[in-house]
Amino acid sequence: MYPDPQTKLEKFAGILDKLMLIVAGSVIATLIIEYGFYISDSVKRVIQQFNLIAIFYFVFFNLSKLVINPQPLSYLRKKWIEFILTFLIILQSIGFLLYFREPYTIDIKTLTRIYIASAQIYLTLDIGLKAIRYSQRLIQKSVHPARLLVISFMLLIFGGTLLLLLPKATYKGISIIDALFTATSAVCVTGLTVVDTGKYFTTFGQLIIMFLIQLGGLGIMTFTTFFMLLLSGGLGIKERLMLGEIFSERNLSKISSTVTRILFITFAIEAIGAIALYNFLPDSIFKNETEKIFCSIFHSISAFCNAGFSTFSNNLMDIKNNIPAILTIATLIILGGLGFIVLSESIEKPFLKMLRKIKFLRNKIPPQRVVFSLHSKLAISTTAILIIFGSLFFFILEFNNSLKAEPTLGKVAHAFFQAVTPRTAGFNTIDISKISITTTLFIMLLMWIGASPGSTGGGIKTTSFALIVLKIRSMIKGDERVEIFNKQISEESVSRAFASGLLSILLILTATFILTITEKKRQT
C-alpha cells in the first residue's frame, strides 16, 4: 500500500522544518562569531558564503511551504511577515542580477556587504519570529505566570552573560562572575556595577547592556505579547487569562491595547528624552557625533527604565554642572517610575482628547474622559510628597557637607536629583561616599520604597508604602477603615501592602546577614 500524497507532503514539510531549524541555529552561531570574535578575512568570506546559502534556503523554505499548504491564502495571512521578507529578498536578488548589466554604477564590495547584511537581518528576524511563536505555545500550555516570568528573566540573564563574555564586548576581557553580575543588574535594572561601563565595555558591549535594560525594564512578556499580536492578529482566552495576571489587567479585552500602549508610550518618551539629551550634552565630551547620539539614547533608556547605568566613568558626576541634562534625566526617572497606568491617564488621554479637536480625526478617535483613578491619585501624590520632602531633607542635611562647594542653584538641582534617583534608578551627580550617615539612612528609606506599581522601577512600591502609613494613621486614630480621597481601601489591599513590606524587610535583613559573613575579610 502506497502512502497518499498528503502524507508525502507532510513528511516533506517536516524535513523542511528540521533543515530550517539547523540553518537558523547555524546563522545564530555565525552572527556570534562574526560580531563577537576577532576573525580573519578568510573566515569572514566563509561566513558570507554560508549566509548567502542560508538566505536562499529561507526563500525556498517559505515558497515550498506555501505551495504544499492546502490553504495557501490562510497560510499567507498567518505568515505575512516571513513572506514580506521573502519578497524583499527576491526583489533584492533581481536588483543584484541587474547590476551586472551596469557594472560601473556601484562598488561590488559595497553591494556585497549590503546584501550580506540584509541576509543576516532577514534570518535574524525569522529566528526571532520562531522564538516568539514558541513562547506563544508555552502560554497555550498554561504555564504559571510567575514561573514564566522567572524563566524568561533567567534566560535573558543567561543569554546576556554569554554575550558580555564575547571578546568584542570588552576591551580586555571580563570574568564570568562580573559578566553575570552586570547582566543581572541590567535585566533587573538595579544600576549596580562592578566595572566601569564606559571604559570596560566596547560600543558593542554597551549596546548589549542597553538592550538588556530595555527588555528587563519593560519585561520580556511585554515585547513577546506585542509580537504575538502582530503575528497572529489576536489572543486566545488562555493567553488573555495568563497575560491578564502578568500585566495586572482585570479587563481581558484590553490586554492587546494595553501592551501596545505600553510600548508606544515607552518609545515616545525615550525618543523625546534622547533628543533633549543630545541637545543639552556638550560636543566637547565626545569623540565624534556617533558617540554623542549613542550616549543620548543609552542614558534616555537607562533613565526611563530606572536602570542607573551610565557610559560616563563617574556616572553623572562628569556632567553635574549641566543642569538641563540633569533635570531631563530626573524627569525620565520620574516618568518611568510612575507606572504605565498613571502615564496613560495623565499623558495619553489628554493627548487623544486634544487630537479629537481636529476635524478629520474626530471620528477616528473615541471620546476621552480624563479622570484619574484612585491608583493614579495615590501614586502621583505619594511620589510628589517623597520628591518634595526628599529634596528638602537632602538639601538641609548636605548643605554644608557634600553640597558645600556647589552654587545655590546647583545645590537645589542636586538635592532634587538625589531625592529622585534613589528610588531604584541609581544615578548620582555627587560623590555618595561623602554623604553623612543620616543622609545615607534616608536614602536607604527611599530605595526601600521604590517606584510605583506597573512601572520600570522596583521597591515595595509607593502605593504600598502609602497604604502602610494610612493604616498606621487609622489605627492611631481608632478608625477601622482606611480611607483616602473619599474612598475606602479594601482590607485585602492593605494586607498585601503590609505583607510586601514585611517580606522585603526580612529579605534585606537576610541578605545583610549573609554579606556580613562573606565580606568579613574586607572589614579586617
Protein backbone atom coordinates (compact mmCIF):
# COMPACT_ATOMS: atom_id res chain seq x y z
CA MET A 1 0.00 0.00 0.00
CA TYR A 2 1.47 3.31 -1.12
CA PRO A 3 1.29 6.40 1.10
CA ASP A 4 -1.20 9.04 -0.07
CA PRO A 5 0.12 12.35 -1.49
CA GLN A 6 -0.92 14.28 1.63
CA THR A 7 1.28 12.07 3.83
CA LYS A 8 4.22 12.63 1.48
CA LEU A 9 3.68 16.38 1.65
CA GLU A 10 3.57 16.29 5.45
CA LYS A 11 6.86 14.34 5.56
CA PHE A 12 8.40 16.81 3.11
CA ALA A 13 7.20 19.72 5.27
CA GLY A 14 8.71 18.05 8.33
CA ILE A 15 12.07 17.72 6.59
CA LEU A 16 11.92 21.39 5.58
CA ASP A 17 11.20 22.42 9.18
CA LYS A 18 14.12 20.39 10.55
CA LEU A 19 16.51 21.81 7.97
CA MET A 20 15.28 25.32 8.73
CA LEU A 21 15.94 24.75 12.42
CA ILE A 22 19.51 23.69 11.62
CA VAL A 23 20.03 26.66 9.29
CA ALA A 24 18.60 29.10 11.84
CA GLY A 25 20.84 27.76 14.59
CA SER A 26 23.85 27.99 12.27
CA VAL A 27 23.02 31.60 11.43
CA ILE A 28 22.94 32.48 15.12
CA ALA A 29 26.35 30.85 15.51
CA THR A 30 27.81 32.75 12.55
CA LEU A 31 26.40 36.05 13.83
CA ILE A 32 28.01 35.48 17.22
CA ILE A 33 31.32 34.53 15.59
CA GLU A 34 31.33 37.48 13.18
CA TYR A 35 30.30 40.22 15.62
CA GLY A 36 31.55 38.79 18.89
CA PHE A 37 35.01 37.50 17.94
CA TYR A 38 38.05 38.87 16.16
CA ILE A 39 38.29 36.75 12.99
CA SER A 40 40.39 36.74 9.83
CA ASP A 41 39.20 37.86 6.40
CA SER A 42 39.14 34.27 5.16
CA VAL A 43 36.73 33.25 7.93
CA LYS A 44 34.57 36.28 7.13
CA ARG A 45 34.35 35.17 3.49
CA VAL A 46 33.30 31.68 4.54
CA ILE A 47 30.59 33.15 6.79
CA GLN A 48 29.39 35.38 3.96
CA GLN A 49 29.10 32.43 1.59
CA PHE A 50 27.18 30.45 4.21
CA ASN A 51 24.80 33.37 4.78
CA LEU A 52 24.09 33.50 1.05
CA ILE A 53 23.19 29.82 1.07
CA ALA A 54 21.07 30.28 4.19
CA ILE A 55 19.14 33.20 2.72
CA PHE A 56 18.32 31.30 -0.45
CA TYR A 57 17.14 28.34 1.61
CA PHE A 58 14.94 30.76 3.56
CA VAL A 59 13.26 31.78 0.28
CA PHE A 60 12.96 28.16 -0.88
CA PHE A 61 11.52 27.14 2.50
CA ASN A 62 8.78 29.79 2.53
CA LEU A 63 7.78 29.29 -1.09
CA SER A 64 7.70 25.49 -0.67
CA LYS A 65 5.57 25.71 2.47
CA LEU A 66 3.16 28.00 0.64
CA VAL A 67 2.83 25.67 -2.34
CA ILE A 68 2.26 22.46 -0.35
CA ASN A 69 -0.14 24.05 2.14
CA PRO A 70 -3.78 23.04 1.44
CA GLN A 71 -4.94 26.56 2.31
CA PRO A 72 -2.28 28.86 0.82
CA LEU A 73 -4.16 32.13 1.37
CA SER A 74 -4.75 31.36 5.05
CA TYR A 75 -1.09 30.36 5.43
CA LEU A 76 0.00 33.56 3.69
CA ARG A 77 -2.07 35.70 6.08
CA LYS A 78 -0.64 33.87 9.08
CA LYS A 79 2.99 34.12 7.92
CA TRP A 80 2.73 37.53 6.27
CA ILE A 81 5.93 38.90 7.80
CA GLU A 82 8.01 35.97 6.52
CA PHE A 83 6.62 36.48 3.01
CA ILE A 84 7.31 40.20 3.10
CA LEU A 85 10.92 39.29 3.89
CA THR A 86 10.90 36.67 1.13
CA PHE A 87 9.57 39.22 -1.37
CA LEU A 88 12.28 41.71 -0.38
CA ILE A 89 14.97 39.07 -0.82
CA ILE A 90 13.68 38.16 -4.29
CA LEU A 91 13.47 41.84 -5.20
CA GLN A 92 16.99 42.39 -3.94
CA SER A 93 18.25 39.37 -5.88
CA ILE A 94 16.73 40.72 -9.10
CA GLY A 95 18.43 44.04 -8.45
CA PHE A 96 21.70 42.21 -7.80
CA LEU A 97 21.45 40.41 -11.15
CA LEU A 98 20.60 43.61 -13.00
CA TYR A 99 23.76 45.12 -11.52
CA PHE A 100 25.93 43.10 -13.90
CA ARG A 101 24.40 44.96 -16.85
CA GLU A 102 25.71 48.23 -15.38
CA PRO A 103 28.98 47.12 -13.75
CA TYR A 104 30.31 50.60 -13.09
CA THR A 105 27.36 52.15 -11.28
CA ILE A 106 28.26 50.81 -7.81
CA ASP A 107 31.20 49.31 -6.00
CA ILE A 108 30.88 45.49 -5.97
CA LYS A 109 32.32 45.26 -2.43
CA THR A 110 29.79 47.77 -1.11
CA LEU A 111 26.92 45.93 -2.80
CA THR A 112 28.10 42.61 -1.40
CA ARG A 113 28.33 43.98 2.14
CA ILE A 114 24.81 45.43 1.85
CA TYR A 115 23.49 42.14 0.50
CA ILE A 116 25.13 40.05 3.24
CA ALA A 117 23.97 42.43 5.98
CA SER A 118 20.43 42.26 4.61
CA ALA A 119 20.59 38.46 4.58
CA GLN A 120 21.64 38.41 8.23
CA ILE A 121 18.83 40.79 9.19
CA TYR A 122 16.27 38.66 7.36
CA LEU A 123 17.41 35.45 9.02
CA THR A 124 17.71 37.05 12.46
CA LEU A 125 14.14 38.32 12.15
CA ASP A 126 12.99 34.86 11.13
CA ILE A 127 14.71 33.34 14.17
CA GLY A 128 13.07 35.94 16.38
CA LEU A 129 9.64 35.17 14.93
CA LYS A 130 10.12 31.47 15.61
CA ALA A 131 11.18 32.18 19.21
CA ILE A 132 8.10 34.33 19.74
CA ARG A 133 5.81 31.63 18.34
CA TYR A 134 7.46 29.12 20.65
CA SER A 135 6.73 31.37 23.64
CA GLN A 136 3.14 31.56 22.42
CA ARG A 137 2.93 27.76 22.60
CA LEU A 138 4.26 27.91 26.17
CA ILE A 139 1.41 30.23 27.11
CA GLN A 140 -1.09 27.93 25.45
CA LYS A 141 0.19 25.10 27.68
CA SER A 142 -0.96 27.09 30.73
CA VAL A 143 2.43 27.68 32.26
CA HIS A 144 2.02 29.57 35.55
CA PRO A 145 2.60 33.34 35.00
CA ALA A 146 5.09 33.64 37.87
CA ARG A 147 7.06 30.67 36.59
CA LEU A 148 7.00 32.01 33.03
CA LEU A 149 8.31 35.41 34.18
CA VAL A 150 11.10 33.82 36.23
CA ILE A 151 12.11 31.55 33.34
CA SER A 152 12.12 34.45 30.86
CA PHE A 153 14.28 36.62 33.13
CA MET A 154 16.67 33.73 33.86
CA LEU A 155 17.08 33.02 30.14
CA LEU A 156 17.65 36.71 29.40
CA ILE A 157 20.29 36.96 32.13
CA PHE A 158 21.98 33.78 30.91
CA GLY A 159 21.99 34.99 27.29
CA GLY A 160 23.22 38.45 28.32
CA THR A 161 26.05 36.90 30.32
CA LEU A 162 27.22 34.87 27.33
CA LEU A 163 27.10 37.92 25.06
CA LEU A 164 29.09 40.05 27.51
CA LEU A 165 31.76 37.32 27.63
CA LEU A 166 32.39 37.71 23.89
CA PRO A 167 35.84 39.17 23.09
CA LYS A 168 34.39 42.15 21.18
CA ALA A 169 32.11 43.11 24.11
CA THR A 170 35.02 44.31 26.28
CA TYR A 171 38.42 45.82 25.71
CA LYS A 172 40.42 43.49 27.95
CA GLY A 173 38.03 40.63 28.72
CA ILE A 174 35.77 40.06 31.71
CA SER A 175 35.37 37.32 34.30
CA ILE A 176 32.26 35.13 34.32
CA ILE A 177 31.11 36.45 37.69
CA ASP A 178 31.45 40.08 36.58
CA ALA A 179 29.60 39.37 33.32
CA LEU A 180 26.85 37.57 35.25
CA PHE A 181 26.55 40.42 37.75
CA THR A 182 26.42 43.07 35.01
CA ALA A 183 23.80 41.14 33.01
CA THR A 184 21.70 40.55 36.14
CA SER A 185 21.95 44.20 37.17
CA ALA A 186 20.95 45.36 33.67
CA VAL A 187 17.99 42.97 33.35
CA CYS A 188 16.77 43.71 36.89
CA VAL A 189 17.51 47.45 36.36
CA THR A 190 19.31 47.88 39.68
CA GLY A 191 22.11 50.16 38.47
CA LEU A 192 24.80 48.34 40.45
CA THR A 193 28.09 47.87 38.58
CA VAL A 194 31.33 46.09 39.39
CA VAL A 195 33.28 47.51 36.42
CA ASP A 196 33.41 50.88 34.66
CA THR A 197 30.71 50.61 31.96
CA GLY A 198 32.26 53.35 29.83
CA LYS A 199 35.89 52.17 29.91
CA TYR A 200 35.44 48.42 30.34
CA PHE A 201 32.86 47.67 27.63
CA THR A 202 33.15 48.44 23.95
CA THR A 203 30.31 50.04 22.00
CA PHE A 204 29.12 46.52 21.18
CA GLY A 205 29.15 45.59 24.87
CA GLN A 206 27.33 48.79 25.84
CA LEU A 207 24.74 48.05 23.14
CA ILE A 208 24.15 44.63 24.72
CA ILE A 209 23.69 46.24 28.14
CA MET A 210 21.27 48.79 26.67
CA PHE A 211 19.09 46.06 25.15
CA LEU A 212 19.16 44.09 28.40
CA ILE A 213 18.00 47.22 30.25
CA GLN A 214 15.18 47.81 27.76
CA LEU A 215 13.98 44.20 27.83
CA GLY A 216 14.33 43.95 31.60
CA GLY A 217 12.72 47.31 32.33
CA LEU A 218 9.60 46.71 30.26
CA GLY A 219 9.53 42.95 30.70
CA ILE A 220 10.16 40.26 28.12
CA MET A 221 6.48 39.30 28.14
CA THR A 222 5.53 42.81 27.02
CA PHE A 223 7.60 42.50 23.85
CA THR A 224 6.61 38.88 23.31
CA THR A 225 2.91 39.69 23.63
CA PHE A 226 3.23 42.60 21.22
CA PHE A 227 4.79 40.43 18.53
CA MET A 228 2.27 37.68 19.21
CA LEU A 229 -0.45 40.23 18.44
CA LEU A 230 1.44 41.37 15.37
CA LEU A 231 1.85 37.84 14.06
CA SER A 232 -1.43 36.17 14.91
CA GLY A 233 -3.73 39.19 14.96
CA GLY A 234 -5.21 38.31 18.33
CA LEU A 235 -5.01 36.33 21.55
CA GLY A 236 -6.96 33.31 22.74
CA ILE A 237 -8.73 33.10 26.09
CA LYS A 238 -5.84 31.12 27.66
CA GLU A 239 -3.32 33.73 26.60
CA ARG A 240 -5.56 36.55 27.85
CA LEU A 241 -6.09 34.93 31.25
CA MET A 242 -2.37 34.43 31.77
CA LEU A 243 -1.30 37.81 30.43
CA GLY A 244 -4.04 39.49 32.44
CA GLU A 245 -2.41 38.12 35.57
CA ILE A 246 1.05 39.15 34.41
CA PHE A 247 0.03 42.72 33.50
CA SER A 248 -2.47 43.07 36.39
CA GLU A 249 -5.23 43.81 33.90
CA ARG A 250 -8.67 42.61 35.01
CA ASN A 251 -10.40 43.52 31.76
CA LEU A 252 -9.10 40.79 29.44
CA SER A 253 -10.40 42.56 26.33
CA LYS A 254 -7.97 45.44 26.97
CA ILE A 255 -4.77 43.37 27.11
CA SER A 256 -3.96 43.88 23.43
CA SER A 257 -4.35 47.65 23.61
CA THR A 258 -2.58 47.76 26.99
CA VAL A 259 0.57 46.14 25.63
CA THR A 260 0.57 48.33 22.52
CA ARG A 261 0.13 51.48 24.64
CA ILE A 262 2.96 50.46 26.97
CA LEU A 263 5.41 50.15 24.07
CA PHE A 264 4.20 53.30 22.32
CA ILE A 265 4.40 55.44 25.46
CA THR A 266 7.82 54.00 26.34
CA PHE A 267 9.43 54.56 22.96
CA ALA A 268 7.87 58.01 22.59
CA ILE A 269 9.18 59.20 25.96
CA GLU A 270 12.60 57.63 25.40
CA ALA A 271 12.86 59.23 21.95
CA ILE A 272 11.97 62.68 23.33
CA GLY A 273 14.44 62.18 26.18
CA ALA A 274 17.21 61.14 23.79
CA ILE A 275 16.63 64.21 21.59
CA ALA A 276 16.67 66.50 24.63
CA LEU A 277 19.90 64.96 25.96
CA TYR A 278 21.50 65.23 22.52
CA ASN A 279 20.80 68.98 22.53
CA PHE A 280 21.87 69.53 26.15
CA LEU A 281 25.08 67.46 26.26
CA PRO A 282 28.17 69.37 25.04
CA ASP A 283 30.11 68.15 21.99
CA SER A 284 33.43 68.56 23.80
CA ILE A 285 33.00 65.43 25.97
CA PHE A 286 32.53 63.12 22.95
CA LYS A 287 34.97 61.88 20.34
CA ASN A 288 32.51 62.12 17.46
CA GLU A 289 28.86 62.61 16.54
CA THR A 290 28.06 58.88 16.61
CA GLU A 291 29.27 58.58 20.21
CA LYS A 292 27.09 61.53 21.25
CA ILE A 293 23.99 60.03 19.62
CA PHE A 294 24.59 56.63 21.22
CA CYS A 295 25.24 58.20 24.62
CA SER A 296 22.00 60.19 24.44
CA ILE A 297 19.96 57.10 23.55
CA PHE A 298 21.71 54.95 26.17
CA HIS A 299 21.07 57.40 29.03
CA SER A 300 17.49 58.03 27.96
CA ILE A 301 16.70 54.29 28.05
CA SER A 302 18.68 53.79 31.25
CA ALA A 303 16.89 56.69 32.97
CA PHE A 304 13.34 55.78 31.90
CA CYS A 305 13.89 52.14 32.83
CA ASN A 306 15.32 53.28 36.19
CA ALA A 307 18.48 51.30 35.47
CA GLY A 308 21.17 53.75 36.60
CA PHE A 309 23.80 52.57 34.08
CA SER A 310 25.97 55.29 32.58
CA THR A 311 28.67 55.34 29.92
CA PHE A 312 30.49 58.04 31.89
CA SER A 313 33.20 56.76 34.24
CA ASN A 314 31.93 58.76 37.24
CA ASN A 315 28.27 58.18 36.46
CA LEU A 316 26.71 61.65 36.07
CA MET A 317 29.32 63.50 38.13
CA ASP A 318 31.08 64.42 34.88
CA ILE A 319 28.04 66.46 33.79
CA LYS A 320 26.83 67.59 37.22
CA ASN A 321 27.02 71.27 36.22
CA ASN A 322 24.84 70.65 33.16
CA ILE A 323 21.53 71.40 34.90
CA PRO A 324 19.26 70.92 31.81
CA ALA A 325 20.70 67.44 31.17
CA ILE A 326 20.41 66.50 34.86
CA LEU A 327 16.78 67.66 35.00
CA THR A 328 16.00 65.75 31.79
CA ILE A 329 17.33 62.53 33.27
CA ALA A 330 15.44 63.19 36.53
CA THR A 331 12.22 63.70 34.54
CA LEU A 332 12.75 60.42 32.68
CA ILE A 333 13.30 58.63 36.00
CA ILE A 334 10.08 60.07 37.43
CA LEU A 335 8.04 59.18 34.34
CA GLY A 336 9.43 55.65 34.27
CA GLY A 337 8.77 55.25 37.99
CA LEU A 338 5.15 56.43 37.90
CA GLY A 339 3.88 53.38 36.05
CA PHE A 340 2.04 52.96 32.76
CA ILE A 341 -1.44 53.29 34.26
CA VAL A 342 -0.54 56.76 35.53
CA LEU A 343 1.18 57.72 32.27
CA SER A 344 -1.84 56.59 30.26
CA GLU A 345 -4.26 58.64 32.35
CA SER A 346 -2.06 61.74 32.62
CA ILE A 347 -0.46 61.84 29.16
CA GLU A 348 -2.20 59.58 26.66
CA LYS A 349 -5.84 60.52 27.34
CA PRO A 350 -5.28 64.30 27.38
CA PHE A 351 -3.25 63.98 24.17
CA LEU A 352 -6.02 61.99 22.44
CA LYS A 353 -8.61 64.46 23.70
CA MET A 354 -6.60 67.25 22.11
CA LEU A 355 -6.33 65.34 18.80
CA ARG A 356 -10.13 64.88 18.69
CA LYS A 357 -10.44 68.62 18.20
CA ILE A 358 -9.01 68.13 14.70
CA LYS A 359 -11.96 67.56 12.34
CA PHE A 360 -10.67 64.66 10.25
CA LEU A 361 -9.56 62.78 13.43
CA ARG A 362 -12.76 63.31 15.39
CA ASN A 363 -14.49 60.20 14.03
CA LYS A 364 -11.38 58.04 14.28
CA ILE A 365 -10.63 58.67 17.95
CA PRO A 366 -13.23 57.69 20.57
CA PRO A 367 -14.23 60.29 23.21
CA GLN A 368 -11.70 60.51 26.02
CA ARG A 369 -12.71 61.02 29.64
CA VAL A 370 -9.71 62.36 31.52
CA VAL A 371 -10.36 61.08 35.05
CA PHE A 372 -7.65 59.91 37.42
CA SER A 373 -8.23 56.57 39.10
CA LEU A 374 -7.59 56.05 42.81
CA HIS A 375 -4.38 54.21 41.90
CA SER A 376 -3.08 57.18 39.89
CA LYS A 377 -4.03 59.70 42.56
CA LEU A 378 -2.27 57.67 45.24
CA ALA A 379 0.84 57.05 43.10
CA ILE A 380 1.19 60.70 41.98
CA SER A 381 0.57 62.18 45.43
CA THR A 382 2.97 59.78 47.17
CA THR A 383 5.65 60.36 44.54
CA ALA A 384 5.25 64.13 44.82
CA ILE A 385 5.48 64.03 48.64
CA LEU A 386 8.59 61.82 48.53
CA ILE A 387 10.30 64.08 46.00
CA ILE A 388 9.43 67.35 47.77
CA PHE A 389 10.34 66.22 51.28
CA GLY A 390 13.28 64.17 49.96
CA SER A 391 14.72 67.21 48.20
CA LEU A 392 14.21 69.35 51.30
CA PHE A 393 15.83 66.83 53.65
CA PHE A 394 18.80 66.25 51.34
CA PHE A 395 19.29 69.99 50.88
CA ILE A 396 19.30 70.61 54.64
CA LEU A 397 21.36 67.57 55.63
CA GLU A 398 24.02 68.02 52.95
CA PHE A 399 24.08 71.82 52.68
CA ASN A 400 27.46 72.10 54.43
CA ASN A 401 28.69 68.63 53.51
CA SER A 402 28.62 67.11 50.00
CA LEU A 403 26.84 70.18 48.56
CA LYS A 404 29.17 72.71 50.24
CA ALA A 405 31.20 73.55 47.13
CA GLU A 406 28.17 73.83 44.84
CA PRO A 407 26.46 77.14 43.94
CA THR A 408 22.94 77.77 45.25
CA LEU A 409 21.24 76.66 42.02
CA GLY A 410 23.48 73.59 41.91
CA LYS A 411 22.60 72.68 45.50
CA VAL A 412 18.89 72.82 44.71
CA ALA A 413 19.29 70.81 41.50
CA HIS A 414 21.47 68.11 43.11
CA ALA A 415 19.18 67.86 46.16
CA PHE A 416 16.22 67.36 43.81
CA PHE A 417 18.07 64.82 41.70
CA GLN A 418 19.31 62.81 44.69
CA ALA A 419 15.75 62.69 46.04
CA VAL A 420 14.54 61.27 42.71
CA THR A 421 17.26 58.79 41.79
CA PRO A 422 17.49 56.58 44.93
CA ARG A 423 14.02 55.17 44.33
CA THR A 424 15.52 52.39 42.12
CA ALA A 425 17.34 54.48 39.47
CA GLY A 426 20.86 54.55 40.94
CA PHE A 427 22.35 57.56 39.15
CA ASN A 428 24.41 60.06 41.14
CA THR A 429 25.64 63.60 40.50
CA ILE A 430 27.66 63.86 43.72
CA ASP A 431 30.14 61.58 45.47
CA ILE A 432 27.90 59.26 47.51
CA SER A 433 30.83 58.24 49.72
CA LYS A 434 30.93 61.79 51.13
CA ILE A 435 27.34 61.99 52.34
CA SER A 436 26.59 61.74 56.06
CA ILE A 437 25.26 58.67 57.89
CA THR A 438 21.92 60.42 58.44
CA THR A 439 21.54 61.08 54.71
CA THR A 440 22.57 57.51 53.94
CA LEU A 441 19.80 56.16 56.17
CA PHE A 442 17.30 58.48 54.48
CA ILE A 443 18.42 57.32 51.03
CA MET A 444 18.02 53.70 52.18
CA LEU A 445 14.41 54.50 53.08
CA LEU A 446 13.78 55.95 49.61
CA MET A 447 15.36 52.88 48.00
CA TRP A 448 13.17 50.60 50.10
CA ILE A 449 10.01 52.44 49.00
CA GLY A 450 10.96 52.39 45.33
CA ALA A 451 8.73 53.31 42.39
CA SER A 452 5.02 52.85 41.65
CA PRO A 453 3.25 49.62 40.57
CA GLY A 454 3.36 48.81 36.86
CA SER A 455 6.50 50.87 36.38
CA THR A 456 10.06 50.09 35.38
CA GLY A 457 11.28 50.53 38.97
CA GLY A 458 11.41 48.25 41.99
CA GLY A 459 10.97 48.58 45.74
CA ILE A 460 7.87 47.78 47.77
CA LYS A 461 6.09 50.45 45.64
CA THR A 462 4.85 53.91 46.55
CA THR A 463 1.23 52.79 46.87
CA SER A 464 2.14 50.02 49.31
CA PHE A 465 4.11 52.47 51.44
CA ALA A 466 1.18 54.92 51.36
CA LEU A 467 -1.27 52.21 52.44
CA ILE A 468 1.03 51.18 55.31
CA VAL A 469 1.22 54.80 56.52
CA LEU A 470 -2.55 55.28 56.14
CA LYS A 471 -3.29 52.07 58.04
CA ILE A 472 -0.98 53.10 60.90
CA ARG A 473 -2.65 56.51 60.99
CA SER A 474 -6.13 54.97 61.11
CA MET A 475 -5.03 52.61 63.91
CA ILE A 476 -3.70 55.54 65.94
CA LYS A 477 -6.96 57.43 65.41
CA GLY A 478 -9.01 54.34 66.27
CA ASP A 479 -10.64 54.08 62.85
CA GLU A 480 -11.38 50.63 61.49
CA ARG A 481 -11.44 51.72 57.85
CA VAL A 482 -8.64 53.10 55.70
CA GLU A 483 -9.81 55.97 53.51
CA ILE A 484 -8.09 58.22 51.01
CA PHE A 485 -9.60 60.72 48.53
CA ASN A 486 -13.06 59.96 49.98
CA LYS A 487 -12.75 56.30 49.06
CA GLN A 488 -12.30 53.26 51.28
CA ILE A 489 -9.33 50.96 50.73
CA SER A 490 -10.09 47.24 50.94
CA GLU A 491 -8.52 45.23 53.74
CA GLU A 492 -7.06 42.87 51.14
CA SER A 493 -5.05 45.72 49.57
CA VAL A 494 -3.81 46.86 52.98
CA SER A 495 -2.82 43.31 53.92
CA ARG A 496 -0.88 42.91 50.67
CA ALA A 497 0.96 46.17 51.34
CA PHE A 498 1.97 45.02 54.83
CA ALA A 499 2.98 41.59 53.51
CA SER A 500 5.11 43.19 50.79
CA GLY A 501 6.82 45.49 53.29
CA LEU A 502 7.44 42.71 55.82
CA LEU A 503 8.82 40.26 53.27
CA SER A 504 11.15 42.91 51.83
CA ILE A 505 12.49 43.74 55.29
CA LEU A 506 13.10 40.06 56.03
CA LEU A 507 14.88 39.65 52.70
CA ILE A 508 17.04 42.73 53.32
CA LEU A 509 17.98 41.53 56.82
CA THR A 510 18.84 38.06 55.50
CA ALA A 511 20.99 39.47 52.69
CA THR A 512 22.68 41.87 55.11
CA PHE A 513 23.45 38.99 57.47
CA ILE A 514 24.98 36.97 54.63
CA LEU A 515 27.08 39.94 53.47
CA THR A 516 28.47 40.47 56.97
CA ILE A 517 29.82 36.92 56.74
CA THR A 518 31.10 36.98 53.16
CA GLU A 519 32.64 40.47 53.49
CA LYS A 520 34.36 39.73 56.82
CA LYS A 521 37.85 39.81 55.27
CA ARG A 522 37.32 43.30 53.94
CA GLN A 523 36.21 44.51 57.36
CA THR A 524 39.54 43.44 58.83
